[in-house]
Amino acid sequence: MVGVALRVWIDQDLCTGDGLCVDHCPDVFMLLEDGIAYVRENGTVLNDPGGADSLAVVPPSRDHEVVVAAEDCPGECIFIEG
């Protein structure tokens, strides 16, 4: 749908810490010192694991990279809404 922003979150319980998501889209994903991936929005890390506060809006220019990251994730822990 045109005009609908994607939103993404990570289930940290499933994250394997491989960092492939960061390789695909470092603007949206990052690894913290715990070795687990988190999402970020406008540079702010949303680190409430699995919580509603950790649902990041994806910049439209990064939609494709976020989808590819979710598809390639070995832990299948990236969830996209929108």
N, C-alpha and C. Protein backbone atom coordinates (compact mmCIF):
# COMPACT_ATOMS: atom_id res chain seq x y z
N MET A 1 0.83 -1.19 0.00
CA MET A 1 0.00 0.00 0.00
C MET A 1 0.88 1.25 0.00
N VAL A 2 0.51 2.17 -0.83
CA VAL A 2 1.24 3.43 -0.90
C VAL A 2 0.88 4.29 0.30
N GLY A 3 1.89 4.90 0.89
CA GLY A 3 1.66 5.80 2.01
C GLY A 3 1.61 5.16 3.38
N VAL A 4 1.70 3.84 3.45
CA VAL A 4 1.69 3.16 4.74
C VAL A 4 3.13 2.83 5.13
N ALA A 5 3.58 3.37 6.23
CA ALA A 5 4.95 3.12 6.68
C ALA A 5 5.06 1.73 7.28
N LEU A 6 6.15 1.05 6.94
CA LEU A 6 6.44 -0.22 7.60
C LEU A 6 6.95 0.06 9.00
N ARG A 7 6.64 -0.87 9.89
CA ARG A 7 7.18 -0.82 11.25
C ARG A 7 7.82 -2.18 11.51
N VAL A 8 8.88 -2.17 12.30
CA VAL A 8 9.64 -3.41 12.52
C VAL A 8 10.01 -3.54 13.99
N TRP A 9 10.08 -4.78 14.45
CA TRP A 9 10.55 -5.06 15.80
C TRP A 9 11.29 -6.39 15.79
N ILE A 10 12.07 -6.62 16.82
CA ILE A 10 12.85 -7.85 16.95
C ILE A 10 12.46 -8.55 18.24
N ASP A 11 12.25 -9.86 18.13
CA ASP A 11 12.04 -10.69 19.32
C ASP A 11 13.42 -11.12 19.79
N GLN A 12 13.94 -10.45 20.81
CA GLN A 12 15.29 -10.73 21.28
C GLN A 12 15.46 -12.16 21.80
N ASP A 13 14.39 -12.80 22.21
CA ASP A 13 14.50 -14.20 22.68
C ASP A 13 14.89 -15.13 21.53
N LEU A 14 14.59 -14.75 20.30
CA LEU A 14 14.90 -15.57 19.14
C LEU A 14 16.20 -15.15 18.44
N CYS A 15 16.71 -13.97 18.76
CA CYS A 15 17.87 -13.43 18.08
C CYS A 15 19.12 -14.27 18.36
N THR A 16 19.83 -14.61 17.29
CA THR A 16 21.06 -15.40 17.41
C THR A 16 22.31 -14.52 17.45
N GLY A 17 22.14 -13.21 17.25
CA GLY A 17 23.26 -12.28 17.32
C GLY A 17 24.21 -12.34 16.14
N ASP A 18 23.77 -12.89 15.02
CA ASP A 18 24.64 -12.98 13.84
C ASP A 18 24.94 -11.63 13.21
N GLY A 19 24.06 -10.67 13.37
CA GLY A 19 24.30 -9.33 12.85
C GLY A 19 24.01 -9.15 11.37
N LEU A 20 23.38 -10.13 10.74
CA LEU A 20 23.06 -9.97 9.33
C LEU A 20 22.13 -8.80 9.09
N CYS A 21 21.24 -8.55 10.04
CA CYS A 21 20.32 -7.42 9.89
C CYS A 21 21.09 -6.11 9.85
N VAL A 22 22.12 -6.00 10.67
CA VAL A 22 22.95 -4.79 10.68
C VAL A 22 23.68 -4.65 9.35
N ASP A 23 24.16 -5.77 8.80
CA ASP A 23 24.82 -5.74 7.50
C ASP A 23 23.88 -5.22 6.42
N HIS A 24 22.62 -5.64 6.48
CA HIS A 24 21.64 -5.23 5.48
C HIS A 24 21.17 -3.79 5.66
N CYS A 25 20.98 -3.37 6.90
CA CYS A 25 20.39 -2.05 7.12
C CYS A 25 20.82 -1.46 8.47
N PRO A 26 22.04 -0.92 8.53
CA PRO A 26 22.53 -0.36 9.80
C PRO A 26 21.77 0.88 10.27
N ASP A 27 20.98 1.48 9.39
CA ASP A 27 20.17 2.62 9.80
C ASP A 27 19.01 2.21 10.71
N VAL A 28 18.61 0.94 10.62
CA VAL A 28 17.44 0.46 11.37
C VAL A 28 17.82 -0.55 12.45
N PHE A 29 18.88 -1.33 12.23
CA PHE A 29 19.26 -2.38 13.17
C PHE A 29 20.64 -2.12 13.76
N MET A 30 20.83 -2.56 14.99
CA MET A 30 22.16 -2.50 15.60
C MET A 30 22.28 -3.58 16.66
N LEU A 31 23.52 -3.99 16.92
CA LEU A 31 23.82 -4.93 17.99
C LEU A 31 24.26 -4.12 19.20
N LEU A 32 23.73 -4.46 20.36
CA LEU A 32 24.16 -3.82 21.59
C LEU A 32 25.21 -4.70 22.26
N GLU A 33 25.74 -4.21 23.37
CA GLU A 33 26.82 -4.92 24.06
C GLU A 33 26.41 -6.31 24.54
N ASP A 34 25.11 -6.59 24.60
CA ASP A 34 24.66 -7.93 24.99
C ASP A 34 24.74 -8.93 23.83
N GLY A 35 25.15 -8.43 22.62
CA GLY A 35 25.29 -9.31 21.46
C GLY A 35 23.98 -9.60 20.75
N ILE A 36 22.94 -8.90 21.11
CA ILE A 36 21.62 -9.11 20.54
C ILE A 36 21.24 -7.89 19.69
N ALA A 37 20.48 -8.14 18.62
CA ALA A 37 20.05 -7.06 17.73
C ALA A 37 18.82 -6.34 18.27
N TYR A 38 18.81 -5.05 18.01
CA TYR A 38 17.69 -4.17 18.37
C TYR A 38 17.39 -3.27 17.18
N VAL A 39 16.20 -2.71 17.17
CA VAL A 39 15.85 -1.74 16.14
C VAL A 39 16.12 -0.33 16.67
N ARG A 40 16.26 0.58 15.71
CA ARG A 40 16.39 1.97 16.10
C ARG A 40 15.57 2.82 15.14
N GLU A 41 15.15 3.94 15.67
CA GLU A 41 14.34 4.88 14.89
C GLU A 41 14.94 6.26 15.07
N ASN A 42 15.26 6.91 13.95
CA ASN A 42 15.88 8.24 13.99
C ASN A 42 17.12 8.25 14.88
N GLY A 43 17.89 7.17 14.87
CA GLY A 43 19.11 7.10 15.64
C GLY A 43 18.95 6.68 17.09
N THR A 44 17.71 6.56 17.56
CA THR A 44 17.45 6.16 18.94
C THR A 44 17.18 4.67 19.02
N VAL A 45 17.94 3.97 19.85
CA VAL A 45 17.76 2.52 20.02
C VAL A 45 16.50 2.28 20.85
N LEU A 46 15.67 1.41 20.34
CA LEU A 46 14.45 1.02 21.04
C LEU A 46 14.73 -0.33 21.68
N ASN A 47 15.08 -0.31 22.95
CA ASN A 47 15.59 -1.53 23.58
C ASN A 47 14.70 -2.07 24.68
N ASP A 48 13.41 -1.99 24.46
CA ASP A 48 12.45 -2.64 25.36
C ASP A 48 12.12 -3.99 24.71
N PRO A 49 12.86 -5.04 25.03
CA PRO A 49 12.73 -6.29 24.28
C PRO A 49 11.29 -6.78 24.15
N GLY A 50 10.89 -6.92 22.90
CA GLY A 50 9.58 -7.46 22.59
C GLY A 50 8.42 -6.56 22.95
N GLY A 51 8.69 -5.38 23.45
CA GLY A 51 7.62 -4.50 23.87
C GLY A 51 7.13 -3.58 22.77
N ALA A 52 5.97 -3.02 22.97
CA ALA A 52 5.38 -2.11 21.98
C ALA A 52 6.24 -0.88 21.76
N ASP A 53 7.02 -0.49 22.76
CA ASP A 53 7.90 0.66 22.61
C ASP A 53 9.07 0.36 21.68
N SER A 54 9.24 -0.87 21.29
CA SER A 54 10.34 -1.25 20.41
C SER A 54 9.89 -1.47 18.98
N LEU A 55 8.78 -0.89 18.60
CA LEU A 55 8.27 -0.97 17.24
C LEU A 55 8.73 0.28 16.51
N ALA A 56 9.71 0.13 15.61
CA ALA A 56 10.31 1.27 14.93
C ALA A 56 9.67 1.49 13.56
N VAL A 57 9.45 2.75 13.25
CA VAL A 57 8.98 3.12 11.91
C VAL A 57 10.18 3.09 10.98
N VAL A 58 10.01 2.41 9.86
CA VAL A 58 11.09 2.25 8.88
C VAL A 58 11.05 3.41 7.89
N PRO A 59 12.18 4.10 7.69
CA PRO A 59 12.19 5.13 6.65
C PRO A 59 11.85 4.49 5.31
N PRO A 60 10.98 5.10 4.51
CA PRO A 60 10.58 4.49 3.22
C PRO A 60 11.75 4.10 2.34
N SER A 61 12.84 4.82 2.42
CA SER A 61 14.01 4.50 1.60
C SER A 61 14.70 3.22 2.06
N ARG A 62 14.32 2.70 3.21
CA ARG A 62 14.95 1.49 3.76
C ARG A 62 14.02 0.28 3.79
N ASP A 63 12.82 0.41 3.23
CA ASP A 63 11.85 -0.69 3.23
C ASP A 63 12.46 -1.99 2.68
N HIS A 64 13.08 -1.91 1.51
CA HIS A 64 13.61 -3.11 0.87
C HIS A 64 14.68 -3.78 1.73
N GLU A 65 15.60 -2.98 2.27
CA GLU A 65 16.67 -3.54 3.09
C GLU A 65 16.13 -4.24 4.33
N VAL A 66 15.10 -3.67 4.93
CA VAL A 66 14.50 -4.26 6.14
C VAL A 66 13.82 -5.59 5.80
N VAL A 67 13.13 -5.64 4.67
CA VAL A 67 12.48 -6.89 4.25
C VAL A 67 13.52 -7.96 3.98
N VAL A 68 14.60 -7.60 3.29
CA VAL A 68 15.66 -8.57 3.01
C VAL A 68 16.31 -9.05 4.31
N ALA A 69 16.52 -8.14 5.25
CA ALA A 69 17.09 -8.52 6.54
C ALA A 69 16.21 -9.54 7.24
N ALA A 70 14.90 -9.32 7.22
CA ALA A 70 13.96 -10.25 7.85
C ALA A 70 14.00 -11.61 7.16
N GLU A 71 14.09 -11.61 5.84
CA GLU A 71 14.13 -12.87 5.10
C GLU A 71 15.41 -13.64 5.36
N ASP A 72 16.53 -12.93 5.53
CA ASP A 72 17.83 -13.59 5.73
C ASP A 72 18.14 -13.94 7.18
N CYS A 73 17.36 -13.45 8.11
CA CYS A 73 17.64 -13.64 9.53
C CYS A 73 17.60 -15.12 9.92
N PRO A 74 18.72 -15.67 10.41
CA PRO A 74 18.74 -17.08 10.79
C PRO A 74 17.87 -17.38 12.01
N GLY A 75 17.64 -16.40 12.86
CA GLY A 75 16.81 -16.61 14.04
C GLY A 75 15.33 -16.37 13.79
N GLU A 76 15.00 -15.88 12.58
CA GLU A 76 13.62 -15.55 12.21
C GLU A 76 12.96 -14.70 13.30
N CYS A 77 13.70 -13.69 13.75
CA CYS A 77 13.23 -12.89 14.87
C CYS A 77 12.81 -11.48 14.50
N ILE A 78 12.88 -11.12 13.22
CA ILE A 78 12.50 -9.79 12.76
C ILE A 78 11.07 -9.84 12.25
N PHE A 79 10.24 -8.97 12.81
CA PHE A 79 8.83 -8.94 12.45
C PHE A 79 8.48 -7.57 11.88
N ILE A 80 7.79 -7.60 10.74
CA ILE A 80 7.43 -6.37 10.03
C ILE A 80 5.92 -6.22 10.02
N GLU A 81 5.47 -5.01 10.31
CA GLU A 81 4.05 -4.69 10.26
C GLU A 81 3.88 -3.52 9.30
N GLY A 82 2.70 -3.46 8.71
CA GLY A 82 2.44 -2.30 7.86
C GLY A 82 1.87 -2.62 6.54
